[in-house]
N, C-alpha and C. Protein backbone atom coordinates (compact mmCIF):
# COMPACT_ATOMS: atom_id res chain seq x y z
N MET A 1 0.81 -1.08 -0.06
CA MET A 1 0.04 -0.03 -0.04
C MET A 1 0.91 1.22 0.04
N THR A 2 0.72 2.12 -1.02
CA THR A 2 1.51 3.30 -1.10
C THR A 2 0.67 4.51 -0.79
N THR A 3 1.30 5.40 -0.07
CA THR A 3 0.60 6.73 0.18
C THR A 3 1.29 7.76 -0.55
N ASN A 4 0.59 8.60 -1.35
CA ASN A 4 1.18 9.73 -2.11
C ASN A 4 1.06 11.00 -1.37
N THR A 5 2.15 11.70 -1.39
CA THR A 5 2.05 13.06 -0.84
C THR A 5 1.40 13.95 -1.86
N THR A 6 1.02 15.14 -1.66
CA THR A 6 0.41 16.05 -2.51
C THR A 6 1.36 16.30 -3.77
N VAL A 7 2.73 16.47 -3.49
CA VAL A 7 3.60 16.71 -4.48
C VAL A 7 3.80 15.42 -5.45
N GLU A 8 3.82 14.25 -4.83
CA GLU A 8 3.89 13.08 -5.68
C GLU A 8 2.65 12.84 -6.52
N ALA A 9 1.47 13.17 -5.98
CA ALA A 9 0.27 12.98 -6.69
C ALA A 9 0.20 13.93 -7.83
N ARG A 10 0.60 15.23 -7.71
CA ARG A 10 0.61 16.16 -8.83
C ARG A 10 1.60 15.78 -9.85
N ALA A 11 2.68 15.22 -9.48
CA ALA A 11 3.79 14.73 -10.40
C ALA A 11 3.18 13.64 -11.25
N LYS A 12 2.47 12.80 -10.72
CA LYS A 12 1.78 11.69 -11.44
C LYS A 12 0.76 12.32 -12.42
N ARG A 13 -0.03 13.18 -11.99
CA ARG A 13 -1.02 13.88 -12.93
C ARG A 13 -0.35 14.58 -13.98
N ARG A 14 0.77 15.21 -13.69
CA ARG A 14 1.55 16.05 -14.71
C ARG A 14 2.12 15.13 -15.76
N ARG A 15 2.70 14.00 -15.29
CA ARG A 15 3.19 13.11 -16.38
C ARG A 15 2.07 12.53 -17.23
N ARG A 16 0.89 12.16 -16.68
CA ARG A 16 -0.25 11.73 -17.45
C ARG A 16 -0.76 12.81 -18.47
N ILE A 17 -0.71 14.05 -17.99
CA ILE A 17 -1.25 15.09 -18.99
C ILE A 17 -0.09 15.25 -20.05
N ARG A 18 1.18 15.33 -19.72
CA ARG A 18 2.27 15.66 -20.67
C ARG A 18 2.45 14.55 -21.61
N ALA A 19 1.92 13.39 -21.38
CA ALA A 19 1.93 12.29 -22.42
C ALA A 19 1.00 12.61 -23.55
N LYS A 20 -0.04 13.48 -23.28
CA LYS A 20 -1.03 13.73 -24.33
C LYS A 20 -0.86 15.21 -24.88
N VAL A 21 -0.46 16.07 -24.13
CA VAL A 21 -0.39 17.52 -24.49
C VAL A 21 0.98 17.79 -24.97
N ILE A 22 1.11 18.07 -26.25
CA ILE A 22 2.42 18.33 -26.89
C ILE A 22 2.31 19.54 -27.76
N GLY A 23 3.22 20.58 -27.53
CA GLY A 23 3.26 21.76 -28.30
C GLY A 23 4.18 21.66 -29.50
N SER A 24 3.65 22.25 -30.56
CA SER A 24 4.39 22.28 -31.81
C SER A 24 4.63 23.76 -32.23
N ALA A 25 5.28 23.94 -33.39
CA ALA A 25 5.49 25.21 -33.84
C ALA A 25 4.18 25.92 -34.25
N ALA A 26 3.25 25.17 -34.70
CA ALA A 26 1.97 25.65 -35.14
C ALA A 26 1.05 25.95 -33.93
N ARG A 27 1.10 25.04 -32.93
CA ARG A 27 0.29 25.26 -31.67
C ARG A 27 1.19 25.05 -30.52
N PRO A 28 1.93 26.01 -29.99
CA PRO A 28 2.80 25.78 -28.86
C PRO A 28 1.90 25.52 -27.52
N ARG A 29 2.62 25.14 -26.62
CA ARG A 29 1.87 24.71 -25.33
C ARG A 29 2.14 25.80 -24.30
N VAL A 30 1.02 26.03 -23.69
CA VAL A 30 0.93 27.12 -22.46
C VAL A 30 1.20 26.34 -21.19
N SER A 31 2.29 26.46 -20.54
CA SER A 31 2.57 25.68 -19.30
C SER A 31 2.43 26.63 -18.10
N VAL A 32 1.71 26.22 -17.12
CA VAL A 32 1.33 26.92 -15.87
C VAL A 32 2.13 26.47 -14.70
N PHE A 33 2.66 27.42 -13.87
CA PHE A 33 3.30 26.97 -12.55
C PHE A 33 2.63 27.88 -11.58
N ARG A 34 2.12 27.33 -10.57
CA ARG A 34 1.41 27.97 -9.47
C ARG A 34 2.13 27.81 -8.21
N SER A 35 2.62 28.77 -7.48
CA SER A 35 3.17 28.65 -6.18
C SER A 35 2.14 29.26 -5.22
N ASN A 36 2.49 29.25 -3.94
CA ASN A 36 1.48 29.80 -2.93
C ASN A 36 1.33 31.36 -3.18
N ARG A 37 2.51 32.01 -3.56
CA ARG A 37 2.30 33.56 -3.71
C ARG A 37 2.15 33.89 -5.11
N ALA A 38 2.79 33.26 -6.17
CA ALA A 38 2.85 33.74 -7.48
C ALA A 38 2.31 32.75 -8.46
N ILE A 39 2.11 33.21 -9.69
CA ILE A 39 1.70 32.25 -10.76
C ILE A 39 2.53 32.66 -12.06
N TYR A 40 2.99 31.64 -12.72
CA TYR A 40 3.84 31.83 -13.85
C TYR A 40 3.33 31.11 -15.11
N ALA A 41 3.44 31.68 -16.31
CA ALA A 41 2.96 31.00 -17.57
C ALA A 41 3.98 31.15 -18.61
N GLN A 42 4.19 30.14 -19.38
CA GLN A 42 5.14 30.12 -20.57
C GLN A 42 4.44 29.61 -21.77
N VAL A 43 4.87 30.10 -22.90
CA VAL A 43 4.47 29.53 -24.26
C VAL A 43 5.66 28.74 -24.71
N ILE A 44 5.57 27.43 -24.91
CA ILE A 44 6.71 26.66 -25.21
C ILE A 44 6.47 25.89 -26.52
N ASP A 45 7.50 25.88 -27.38
CA ASP A 45 7.59 25.03 -28.52
C ASP A 45 8.28 23.74 -28.21
N ASP A 46 7.64 22.66 -28.15
CA ASP A 46 8.30 21.43 -27.69
C ASP A 46 9.13 20.77 -28.71
N THR A 47 9.02 21.24 -29.91
CA THR A 47 9.83 20.61 -31.03
C THR A 47 11.29 21.07 -30.89
N THR A 48 11.43 22.36 -30.51
CA THR A 48 12.74 22.89 -30.33
C THR A 48 13.12 23.05 -28.82
N GLY A 49 12.15 22.81 -27.99
CA GLY A 49 12.41 22.90 -26.44
C GLY A 49 12.65 24.38 -26.13
N SER A 50 12.06 25.34 -26.73
CA SER A 50 12.42 26.69 -26.41
C SER A 50 11.11 27.41 -25.84
N THR A 51 11.30 28.36 -25.01
CA THR A 51 10.34 29.22 -24.53
C THR A 51 10.05 30.37 -25.42
N LEU A 52 8.94 30.55 -25.99
CA LEU A 52 8.74 31.66 -26.86
C LEU A 52 8.21 32.97 -26.17
N VAL A 53 7.36 32.82 -25.19
CA VAL A 53 6.85 34.00 -24.49
C VAL A 53 6.57 33.47 -22.96
N ALA A 54 6.79 34.46 -22.04
CA ALA A 54 6.49 34.09 -20.63
C ALA A 54 5.88 35.32 -19.87
N ALA A 55 5.20 35.09 -18.91
CA ALA A 55 4.61 36.10 -18.11
C ALA A 55 4.48 35.63 -16.67
N ARG A 56 4.63 36.55 -15.73
CA ARG A 56 4.50 36.05 -14.27
C ARG A 56 3.77 37.23 -13.51
N SER A 57 3.35 36.83 -12.31
CA SER A 57 2.54 37.78 -11.56
C SER A 57 3.24 38.86 -11.05
N ALA A 58 4.49 38.96 -10.96
CA ALA A 58 5.29 40.06 -10.49
C ALA A 58 5.34 41.24 -11.50
N GLU A 59 4.95 40.88 -12.67
CA GLU A 59 5.00 41.80 -13.76
C GLU A 59 3.62 42.66 -13.99
N VAL A 60 2.75 42.20 -13.28
CA VAL A 60 1.32 42.86 -13.34
C VAL A 60 1.03 43.66 -12.02
N ASP A 61 0.21 44.66 -12.26
CA ASP A 61 -0.22 45.51 -11.10
C ASP A 61 -1.23 44.81 -10.34
N ALA A 62 -0.95 44.40 -9.09
CA ALA A 62 -1.83 43.62 -8.29
C ALA A 62 -2.75 44.50 -7.43
N GLY A 63 -2.75 45.78 -7.68
CA GLY A 63 -3.52 46.79 -6.76
C GLY A 63 -4.80 46.35 -6.35
N GLY A 64 -4.96 45.86 -5.12
CA GLY A 64 -6.35 45.51 -4.51
C GLY A 64 -6.90 44.24 -5.08
N LEU A 65 -6.18 43.53 -5.90
CA LEU A 65 -6.83 42.24 -6.50
C LEU A 65 -6.48 41.03 -5.52
N ASP A 66 -7.34 40.01 -5.62
CA ASP A 66 -7.01 38.76 -5.06
C ASP A 66 -6.11 38.00 -6.05
N LYS A 67 -5.78 36.74 -5.49
CA LYS A 67 -4.76 35.98 -6.37
C LYS A 67 -5.41 35.47 -7.66
N SER A 68 -6.71 35.25 -7.77
CA SER A 68 -7.39 34.93 -9.01
C SER A 68 -7.35 36.13 -9.94
N GLY A 69 -7.64 37.24 -9.47
CA GLY A 69 -7.62 38.49 -10.28
C GLY A 69 -6.30 38.76 -10.83
N VAL A 70 -5.23 38.50 -10.02
CA VAL A 70 -3.84 38.70 -10.61
C VAL A 70 -3.56 37.63 -11.66
N ALA A 71 -3.99 36.42 -11.51
CA ALA A 71 -3.81 35.32 -12.38
C ALA A 71 -4.49 35.61 -13.82
N LYS A 72 -5.65 36.26 -13.66
CA LYS A 72 -6.39 36.60 -14.96
C LYS A 72 -5.52 37.64 -15.72
N LYS A 73 -4.96 38.67 -14.93
CA LYS A 73 -4.13 39.59 -15.60
C LYS A 73 -2.92 39.08 -16.26
N VAL A 74 -2.34 38.03 -15.55
CA VAL A 74 -1.15 37.31 -16.15
C VAL A 74 -1.48 36.69 -17.47
N GLY A 75 -2.74 36.10 -17.51
CA GLY A 75 -3.21 35.47 -18.71
C GLY A 75 -3.34 36.50 -19.80
N VAL A 76 -4.00 37.59 -19.51
CA VAL A 76 -4.09 38.70 -20.46
C VAL A 76 -2.72 39.17 -21.03
N LEU A 77 -1.79 39.36 -20.07
CA LEU A 77 -0.42 39.78 -20.52
C LEU A 77 0.28 38.71 -21.37
N LEU A 78 0.14 37.42 -20.97
CA LEU A 78 0.79 36.31 -21.82
C LEU A 78 0.09 36.34 -23.14
N ALA A 79 -1.22 36.53 -23.35
CA ALA A 79 -1.94 36.55 -24.61
C ALA A 79 -1.42 37.74 -25.43
N GLU A 80 -1.23 38.94 -24.88
CA GLU A 80 -0.72 40.07 -25.62
C GLU A 80 0.66 39.79 -26.14
N ARG A 81 1.51 39.29 -25.33
CA ARG A 81 2.89 38.92 -25.79
C ARG A 81 2.92 37.89 -26.84
N ALA A 82 2.05 36.89 -26.74
CA ALA A 82 2.00 35.83 -27.71
C ALA A 82 1.45 36.36 -29.00
N ARG A 83 0.43 37.23 -29.07
CA ARG A 83 -0.10 37.79 -30.18
C ARG A 83 0.89 38.70 -30.92
N ALA A 84 1.78 39.38 -30.15
CA ALA A 84 2.75 40.19 -30.73
C ALA A 84 3.79 39.35 -31.47
N ARG A 85 3.90 38.05 -31.12
CA ARG A 85 4.89 37.11 -31.79
C ARG A 85 4.10 36.23 -32.82
N ASN A 86 2.84 36.69 -33.21
CA ASN A 86 2.02 35.99 -34.19
C ASN A 86 1.62 34.57 -33.73
N ILE A 87 1.38 34.43 -32.56
CA ILE A 87 0.93 33.16 -31.96
C ILE A 87 -0.59 33.30 -31.52
N ASP A 88 -1.45 32.59 -32.29
CA ASP A 88 -2.91 32.84 -32.07
C ASP A 88 -3.49 31.52 -31.33
N SER A 89 -3.01 30.36 -31.71
CA SER A 89 -3.63 29.01 -31.19
C SER A 89 -2.58 28.29 -30.46
N VAL A 90 -2.99 27.84 -29.33
CA VAL A 90 -2.16 27.08 -28.40
C VAL A 90 -2.77 25.89 -27.72
N VAL A 91 -2.08 25.11 -27.11
CA VAL A 91 -2.57 23.97 -26.29
C VAL A 91 -2.32 24.32 -24.83
N PHE A 92 -3.31 24.01 -23.89
CA PHE A 92 -3.14 24.42 -22.49
C PHE A 92 -2.74 23.25 -21.67
N ASP A 93 -1.58 23.47 -20.95
CA ASP A 93 -1.05 22.45 -20.01
C ASP A 93 -1.22 22.95 -18.63
N ARG A 94 -2.11 22.32 -17.92
CA ARG A 94 -2.31 22.80 -16.47
C ARG A 94 -1.35 22.30 -15.47
N SER A 95 -0.32 21.50 -15.91
CA SER A 95 0.76 20.95 -15.06
C SER A 95 0.32 20.17 -13.87
N GLY A 96 -0.83 19.46 -13.97
CA GLY A 96 -1.24 18.62 -12.82
C GLY A 96 -2.08 19.39 -11.79
N TYR A 97 -2.32 20.68 -12.01
CA TYR A 97 -3.19 21.42 -11.15
C TYR A 97 -4.62 21.14 -11.62
N LEU A 98 -5.51 21.43 -10.61
CA LEU A 98 -6.93 21.31 -10.96
C LEU A 98 -7.23 22.52 -11.89
N TYR A 99 -8.11 22.37 -12.84
CA TYR A 99 -8.59 23.47 -13.64
C TYR A 99 -9.73 24.30 -12.82
N HIS A 100 -9.21 25.01 -11.88
CA HIS A 100 -10.01 25.56 -10.91
C HIS A 100 -9.22 26.74 -10.34
N GLY A 101 -10.01 27.81 -9.95
CA GLY A 101 -9.30 28.98 -9.23
C GLY A 101 -8.37 29.73 -10.14
N ARG A 102 -7.12 29.86 -9.62
CA ARG A 102 -6.17 30.62 -10.31
C ARG A 102 -5.79 30.06 -11.65
N VAL A 103 -5.70 28.78 -11.85
CA VAL A 103 -5.34 28.17 -13.14
C VAL A 103 -6.51 28.50 -14.14
N LYS A 104 -7.81 28.39 -13.72
CA LYS A 104 -8.86 28.73 -14.58
C LYS A 104 -8.90 30.22 -14.91
N ALA A 105 -8.56 31.07 -13.94
CA ALA A 105 -8.67 32.51 -14.15
C ALA A 105 -7.46 32.81 -15.12
N LEU A 106 -6.32 32.29 -15.07
CA LEU A 106 -5.26 32.48 -16.06
C LEU A 106 -5.70 32.16 -17.49
N ALA A 107 -6.25 30.94 -17.62
CA ALA A 107 -6.84 30.49 -18.95
C ALA A 107 -7.81 31.36 -19.54
N GLU A 108 -8.77 31.88 -18.61
CA GLU A 108 -9.80 32.79 -19.06
C GLU A 108 -9.26 34.12 -19.50
N GLY A 109 -8.30 34.66 -18.76
CA GLY A 109 -7.55 35.80 -19.16
C GLY A 109 -6.87 35.71 -20.45
N ALA A 110 -6.21 34.51 -20.72
CA ALA A 110 -5.54 34.33 -22.01
C ALA A 110 -6.56 34.24 -23.20
N ARG A 111 -7.74 33.62 -22.92
CA ARG A 111 -8.76 33.63 -23.99
C ARG A 111 -9.24 35.05 -24.24
N GLU A 112 -9.48 35.88 -23.16
CA GLU A 112 -9.89 37.21 -23.39
C GLU A 112 -8.78 37.99 -24.18
N GLY A 113 -7.62 37.69 -23.90
CA GLY A 113 -6.47 38.42 -24.66
C GLY A 113 -6.40 37.95 -26.11
N GLY A 114 -7.14 36.88 -26.52
CA GLY A 114 -7.10 36.59 -27.91
C GLY A 114 -6.50 35.14 -28.28
N LEU A 115 -6.05 34.41 -27.33
CA LEU A 115 -5.47 33.09 -27.52
C LEU A 115 -6.62 32.13 -27.73
N VAL A 116 -6.53 31.20 -28.64
CA VAL A 116 -7.44 30.19 -28.95
C VAL A 116 -6.91 28.90 -28.44
N PHE A 117 -7.74 28.23 -27.56
CA PHE A 117 -7.43 26.83 -27.07
C PHE A 117 -8.62 26.17 -26.45
């Protein structure tokens, strides 16, 4: 009988997701990392292994917003930067996190900014 810690369980979910979600030059992958304080997002081309665009919560004005509000602003910022590099369509990699709360807010912000996924 094995007991998983939260970190081990997320790592298993992440491996399961990454087996199916692959970014290409035509549709790069949006990868999300969420810590207790901050949220980070990158647009990655997996064929070359390079980060094309990145955004993080330290780059947006958090004036009076909760963490979900900041995450939504990060999504909008990421979408603006991606559209400036002619990236319109992406695949979303939630990195083992539930599609809920800050991860969902980031995705909605990216959609509002013009990314399609």
